[in-house]
Every structure is written in C-alpha cells, then in structure tokens.
C-alpha cells in the first residue's frame, strides 16, 4: 500500500470509527457511534449519516478502490439507509450493522490483502446515481409513511 493510500485509509477509518464505534456502553463491550444517535432524528439523521457514508465511498472510488469494493460499499450504505430509516427497528439495526466499519474492512482487504483487484475509475458517476436513487426512494417512503400517519391520526380524532 502506498503512503497516499495509507493516509486515505486512516482518514476513512477515523470517520468510520466516529460514526460506528466512538462510544462504549459502560460495563459492556458494546460500542456505537454517531450513526445510531443521529438516526434517532427522523429523516435528517438518516440523510446526514447517509451523506457521510456516501462521501467515504466516493472518496475511495476516486482514489482507486476496485469496482467490486465500491459496489459492496454502496450495498452496505443503502441497506443501512433503508433499514435504518424504519422507526425503532432502524435504531436497533444501526447499533449492530455498522456499515462504515464494514466498508473499512473491505478497504483493508483491497489495499492490504490484495483482494478485490481493479479500479473504480470511470465508475463514480454510476455510484452517485445509485446513491441518489436510494436516497430518493427513502424520501418517497418517508413521505408516504408521514401521509398515511397523518391521515390515520386525522381519522381517529
């Protein structure tokens, strides 16, 4: 791994640690980060953590992560976004799934162990489109849920 790759991986690791493992529940080995905390804020929390995760993926795609790694990383964060946006279940899921930590593991395999060879060059536009479509899908789902909830509350009162 070159010095540049090492610096990039360190930066990605530090952000992933902040998002997934920064805090520890006293008396346990359970760790969590900002992702599940921000996820408790409806819509804005999920969108903000998705944006951070997306920025990490785009950074690594621009700097030579293979397409195989980028695709797996995108799947991780889309899964985190979609399931994480479900009330209550999403908060529990965010504590355990840790998409950013999974993505760091993929990057380590790519850079240090030589797995998932190839580059992601020329793939960035597709990654951005997929990320935006996933975000649009979640926004659409949230709007539908809010509309349903509002109508349900309005009918019961």
C-alpha atoms as a PDB file:
ATOM      1  CA  UNK A   1       0.000   0.000   0.000  1.00  0.00           C
ATOM      2  CA  UNK A   2       1.412   3.392  -0.926  1.00  0.00           C
ATOM      3  CA  UNK A   3       1.727   6.280   1.519  1.00  0.00           C
ATOM      4  CA  UNK A   4      -1.189   8.086  -0.122  1.00  0.00           C
ATOM      5  CA  UNK A   5      -3.417   5.031   0.149  1.00  0.00           C
ATOM      6  CA  UNK A   6      -2.419   4.636   3.787  1.00  0.00           C
ATOM      7  CA  UNK A   7      -3.356   8.257   4.569  1.00  0.00           C
ATOM      8  CA  UNK A   8      -6.699   7.894   2.819  1.00  0.00           C
ATOM      9  CA  UNK A   9      -7.435   4.673   4.658  1.00  0.00           C
ATOM     10  CA  UNK A  10      -6.544   6.323   8.002  1.00  0.00           C
ATOM     11  CA  UNK A  11      -8.935   9.214   7.244  1.00  0.00           C
ATOM     12  CA  UNK A  12     -11.731   6.828   6.265  1.00  0.00           C
ATOM     13  CA  UNK A  13     -11.050   4.686   9.351  1.00  0.00           C
ATOM     14  CA  UNK A  14     -11.296   7.678  11.676  1.00  0.00           C
ATOM     15  CA  UNK A  15     -14.606   8.843  10.206  1.00  0.00           C
ATOM     16  CA  UNK A  16     -15.983   5.281  10.249  1.00  0.00           C
ATOM     17  CA  UNK A  17     -14.917   4.904  13.898  1.00  0.00           C
ATOM     18  CA  UNK A  18     -16.697   8.151  14.801  1.00  0.00           C
ATOM     19  CA  UNK A  19     -19.859   7.018  13.008  1.00  0.00           C
ATOM     20  CA  UNK A  20     -19.919   3.398  14.257  1.00  0.00           C
ATOM     21  CA  UNK A  21     -17.732   2.796  17.343  1.00  0.00           C
ATOM     22  CA  UNK A  22     -16.802   6.044  19.114  1.00  0.00           C
ATOM     23  CA  UNK A  23     -18.697   5.357  22.342  1.00  0.00           C
ATOM     24  CA  UNK A  24     -18.881   2.354  24.640  1.00  0.00           C
ATOM     25  CA  UNK A  25     -21.757   1.350  26.868  1.00  0.00           C
ATOM     26  CA  UNK A  26     -20.182   1.234  30.354  1.00  0.00           C
ATOM     27  CA  UNK A  27     -19.629  -2.244  31.725  1.00  0.00           C
ATOM     28  CA  UNK A  28     -20.035  -3.891  28.301  1.00  0.00           C
ATOM     29  CA  UNK A  29     -18.077  -4.426  25.112  1.00  0.00           C
ATOM     30  CA  UNK A  30     -20.907  -2.849  23.102  1.00  0.00           C
ATOM     31  CA  UNK A  31     -19.797   0.121  21.043  1.00  0.00           C
ATOM     32  CA  UNK A  32     -21.753   2.611  18.961  1.00  0.00           C
ATOM     33  CA  UNK A  33     -21.116   5.864  17.169  1.00  0.00           C
ATOM     34  CA  UNK A  34     -22.957   8.873  15.845  1.00  0.00           C
ATOM     35  CA  UNK A  35     -24.870   6.830  13.256  1.00  0.00           C
ATOM     36  CA  UNK A  36     -27.466   5.341  15.639  1.00  0.00           C
ATOM     37  CA  UNK A  37     -27.666   8.581  17.634  1.00  0.00           C
ATOM     38  CA  UNK A  38     -28.308  10.718  14.560  1.00  0.00           C
ATOM     39  CA  UNK A  39     -30.663   8.030  13.257  1.00  0.00           C
ATOM     40  CA  UNK A  40     -33.000   8.859  16.129  1.00  0.00           C
ATOM     41  CA  UNK A  41     -33.732  12.208  14.446  1.00  0.00           C
ATOM     42  CA  UNK A  42     -36.369  11.383  11.835  1.00  0.00           C
ATOM     43  CA  UNK A  43     -35.274  11.917   8.242  1.00  0.00           C
ATOM     44  CA  UNK A  44     -32.423  14.366   8.919  1.00  0.00           C
ATOM     45  CA  UNK A  45     -30.453  11.838  10.946  1.00  0.00           C
ATOM     46  CA  UNK A  46     -30.670   9.133   8.296  1.00  0.00           C
ATOM     47  CA  UNK A  47     -29.898  11.552   5.478  1.00  0.00           C
ATOM     48  CA  UNK A  48     -26.889  13.022   7.298  1.00  0.00           C
ATOM     49  CA  UNK A  49     -25.359   9.629   8.110  1.00  0.00           C
ATOM     50  CA  UNK A  50     -26.032   8.503   4.534  1.00  0.00           C
ATOM     51  CA  UNK A  51     -24.244  11.615   3.250  1.00  0.00           C
ATOM     52  CA  UNK A  52     -21.181  10.878   5.391  1.00  0.00           C
ATOM     53  CA  UNK A  53     -21.132   7.238   4.287  1.00  0.00           C
ATOM     54  CA  UNK A  54     -21.622   8.269   0.669  1.00  0.00           C
ATOM     55  CA  UNK A  55     -18.733  10.732   0.901  1.00  0.00           C
ATOM     56  CA  UNK A  56     -16.478   7.950   2.203  1.00  0.00           C
ATOM     57  CA  UNK A  57     -17.450   5.675  -0.687  1.00  0.00           C
ATOM     58  CA  UNK A  58     -16.975   8.408  -3.278  1.00  0.00           C
ATOM     59  CA  UNK A  59     -13.583   9.328  -1.806  1.00  0.00           C
ATOM     60  CA  UNK A  60     -12.366   5.764  -2.065  1.00  0.00           C
ATOM     61  CA  UNK A  61     -13.850   5.299  -5.547  1.00  0.00           C
ATOM     62  CA  UNK A  62     -11.997   8.402  -6.753  1.00  0.00           C
ATOM     63  CA  UNK A  63      -8.771   7.100  -5.274  1.00  0.00           C
ATOM     64  CA  UNK A  64      -8.664   3.681  -6.820  1.00  0.00           C
ATOM     65  CA  UNK A  65     -10.862   1.302  -4.837  1.00  0.00           C
ATOM     66  CA  UNK A  66     -11.945  -1.504  -7.139  1.00  0.00           C
ATOM     67  CA  UNK A  67     -15.427  -1.688  -8.581  1.00  0.00           C
ATOM     68  CA  UNK A  68     -16.079  -4.820  -6.534  1.00  0.00           C
ATOM     69  CA  UNK A  69     -15.226  -2.921  -3.332  1.00  0.00           C
ATOM     70  CA  UNK A  70     -17.258   0.124  -4.317  1.00  0.00           C
ATOM     71  CA  UNK A  71     -20.318  -1.979  -5.177  1.00  0.00           C
ATOM     72  CA  UNK A  72     -20.133  -3.792  -1.839  1.00  0.00           C
ATOM     73  CA  UNK A  73     -19.683  -0.492  -0.006  1.00  0.00           C
ATOM     74  CA  UNK A  74     -22.690   1.027  -1.768  1.00  0.00           C
ATOM     75  CA  UNK A  75     -24.805  -2.016  -0.896  1.00  0.00           C
ATOM     76  CA  UNK A  76     -23.756  -1.644   2.761  1.00  0.00           C
ATOM     77  CA  UNK A  77     -24.770   2.005   2.989  1.00  0.00           C
ATOM     78  CA  UNK A  78     -28.005   1.585   1.022  1.00  0.00           C
ATOM     79  CA  UNK A  79     -29.007  -1.261   3.320  1.00  0.00           C
ATOM     80  CA  UNK A  80     -28.115   0.933   6.300  1.00  0.00           C
ATOM     81  CA  UNK A  81     -30.167   3.807   4.867  1.00  0.00           C
ATOM     82  CA  UNK A  82     -33.253   1.786   4.020  1.00  0.00           C
ATOM     83  CA  UNK A  83     -33.465  -0.344   7.171  1.00  0.00           C
ATOM     84  CA  UNK A  84     -32.109   2.459   9.348  1.00  0.00           C
ATOM     85  CA  UNK A  85     -34.962   4.733   8.282  1.00  0.00           C
ATOM     86  CA  UNK A  86     -37.621   2.377   9.703  1.00  0.00           C
ATOM     87  CA  UNK A  87     -38.743   3.745  13.081  1.00  0.00           C
ATOM     88  CA  UNK A  88     -37.487   1.780  16.115  1.00  0.00           C
ATOM     89  CA  UNK A  89     -36.237  -1.189  14.052  1.00  0.00           C
ATOM     90  CA  UNK A  90     -33.838   1.154  12.269  1.00  0.00           C
ATOM     91  CA  UNK A  91     -32.345   2.436  15.517  1.00  0.00           C
ATOM     92  CA  UNK A  92     -31.703  -1.124  16.703  1.00  0.00           C
ATOM     93  CA  UNK A  93     -30.286  -2.067  13.304  1.00  0.00           C
ATOM     94  CA  UNK A  94     -27.893   0.926  13.337  1.00  0.00           C
ATOM     95  CA  UNK A  95     -26.380  -0.258  16.628  1.00  0.00           C
ATOM     96  CA  UNK A  96     -25.470  -3.626  15.166  1.00  0.00           C
ATOM     97  CA  UNK A  97     -24.903  -3.319  11.421  1.00  0.00           C
ATOM     98  CA  UNK A  98     -22.158  -0.645  11.304  1.00  0.00           C
ATOM     99  CA  UNK A  99     -21.960  -0.111   7.550  1.00  0.00           C
ATOM    100  CA  UNK A 100     -18.950   2.206   7.763  1.00  0.00           C
ATOM    101  CA  UNK A 101     -16.909  -0.317   9.765  1.00  0.00           C
ATOM    102  CA  UNK A 102     -17.829  -2.982   7.204  1.00  0.00           C
ATOM    103  CA  UNK A 103     -16.658  -0.668   4.437  1.00  0.00           C
ATOM    104  CA  UNK A 104     -13.332  -0.064   6.181  1.00  0.00           C
ATOM    105  CA  UNK A 105     -12.876  -3.835   6.378  1.00  0.00           C
ATOM    106  CA  UNK A 106     -13.476  -4.058   2.617  1.00  0.00           C
ATOM    107  CA  UNK A 107     -10.919  -1.303   2.007  1.00  0.00           C
ATOM    108  CA  UNK A 108      -8.347  -3.082   4.166  1.00  0.00           C
ATOM    109  CA  UNK A 109      -8.883  -6.259   2.183  1.00  0.00           C
ATOM    110  CA  UNK A 110      -8.447  -4.263  -1.028  1.00  0.00           C
ATOM    111  CA  UNK A 111      -5.366  -2.267  -0.051  1.00  0.00           C
ATOM    112  CA  UNK A 112      -3.545  -4.530   2.381  1.00  0.00           C
ATOM    113  CA  UNK A 113      -4.503  -8.059   1.394  1.00  0.00           C
ATOM    114  CA  UNK A 114      -4.811  -7.532  -2.365  1.00  0.00           C
ATOM    115  CA  UNK A 115      -8.399  -8.754  -2.586  1.00  0.00           C
ATOM    116  CA  UNK A 116     -10.990  -7.233  -4.919  1.00  0.00           C
ATOM    117  CA  UNK A 117      -8.458  -6.072  -7.535  1.00  0.00           C
ATOM    118  CA  UNK A 118      -9.185  -3.495 -10.182  1.00  0.00           C
ATOM    119  CA  UNK A 119     -10.010   0.179 -10.034  1.00  0.00           C
ATOM    120  CA  UNK A 120     -13.152   2.206  -9.643  1.00  0.00           C
ATOM    121  CA  UNK A 121     -12.085   4.857 -12.141  1.00  0.00           C
ATOM    122  CA  UNK A 122     -14.883   5.828 -14.509  1.00  0.00           C
ATOM    123  CA  UNK A 123     -17.390   4.295 -12.112  1.00  0.00           C
ATOM    124  CA  UNK A 124     -18.030   7.334  -9.944  1.00  0.00           C
ATOM    125  CA  UNK A 125     -20.967   8.737 -11.944  1.00  0.00           C
ATOM    126  CA  UNK A 126     -22.828   5.445 -11.630  1.00  0.00           C
ATOM    127  CA  UNK A 127     -22.134   5.331  -7.885  1.00  0.00           C
ATOM    128  CA  UNK A 128     -23.508   8.859  -7.450  1.00  0.00           C
ATOM    129  CA  UNK A 129     -26.640   7.975  -9.437  1.00  0.00           C
ATOM    130  CA  UNK A 130     -27.268   4.829  -7.375  1.00  0.00           C
ATOM    131  CA  UNK A 131     -26.765   6.724  -4.115  1.00  0.00           C
ATOM    132  CA  UNK A 132     -29.154   9.476  -5.199  1.00  0.00           C
ATOM    133  CA  UNK A 133     -31.772   6.937  -6.297  1.00  0.00           C
ATOM    134  CA  UNK A 134     -31.541   5.176  -2.933  1.00  0.00           C
ATOM    135  CA  UNK A 135     -31.952   8.484  -1.149  1.00  0.00           C
ATOM    136  CA  UNK A 136     -34.945   9.377  -3.336  1.00  0.00           C
ATOM    137  CA  UNK A 137     -36.528   6.002  -2.575  1.00  0.00           C
ATOM    138  CA  UNK A 138     -36.196   6.548   1.166  1.00  0.00           C
ATOM    139  CA  UNK A 139     -37.552  10.095   0.925  1.00  0.00           C
ATOM    140  CA  UNK A 140     -40.506   8.807  -1.105  1.00  0.00           C
ATOM    141  CA  UNK A 141     -41.150   6.102   1.508  1.00  0.00           C
ATOM    142  CA  UNK A 142     -40.963   8.591   4.352  1.00  0.00           C
ATOM    143  CA  UNK A 143     -43.380  10.959   2.616  1.00  0.00           C
ATOM    144  CA  UNK A 144     -45.813   8.082   2.061  1.00  0.00           C
ATOM    145  CA  UNK A 145     -45.484   6.994   5.697  1.00  0.00           C
ATOM    146  CA  UNK A 146     -45.993  10.531   7.020  1.00  0.00           C
ATOM    147  CA  UNK A 147     -49.024  10.997   4.758  1.00  0.00           C
ATOM    148  CA  UNK A 148     -50.500   7.694   5.936  1.00  0.00           C
ATOM    149  CA  UNK A 149     -49.800   8.532   9.604  1.00  0.00           C
ATOM    150  CA  UNK A 150     -51.292  11.997   9.257  1.00  0.00           C
ATOM    151  CA  UNK A 151     -54.465  10.614   7.637  1.00  0.00           C
ATOM    152  CA  UNK A 152     -54.720   7.886  10.286  1.00  0.00           C
ATOM    153  CA  UNK A 153     -54.393  10.401  13.116  1.00  0.00           C
ATOM    154  CA  UNK A 154     -56.846  12.752  11.419  1.00  0.00           C
ATOM    155  CA  UNK A 155     -59.435   9.963  11.080  1.00  0.00           C
ATOM    156  CA  UNK A 156     -59.118   8.797  14.683  1.00  0.00           C
ATOM    157  CA  UNK A 157     -59.525  12.254  16.191  1.00  0.00           C
END
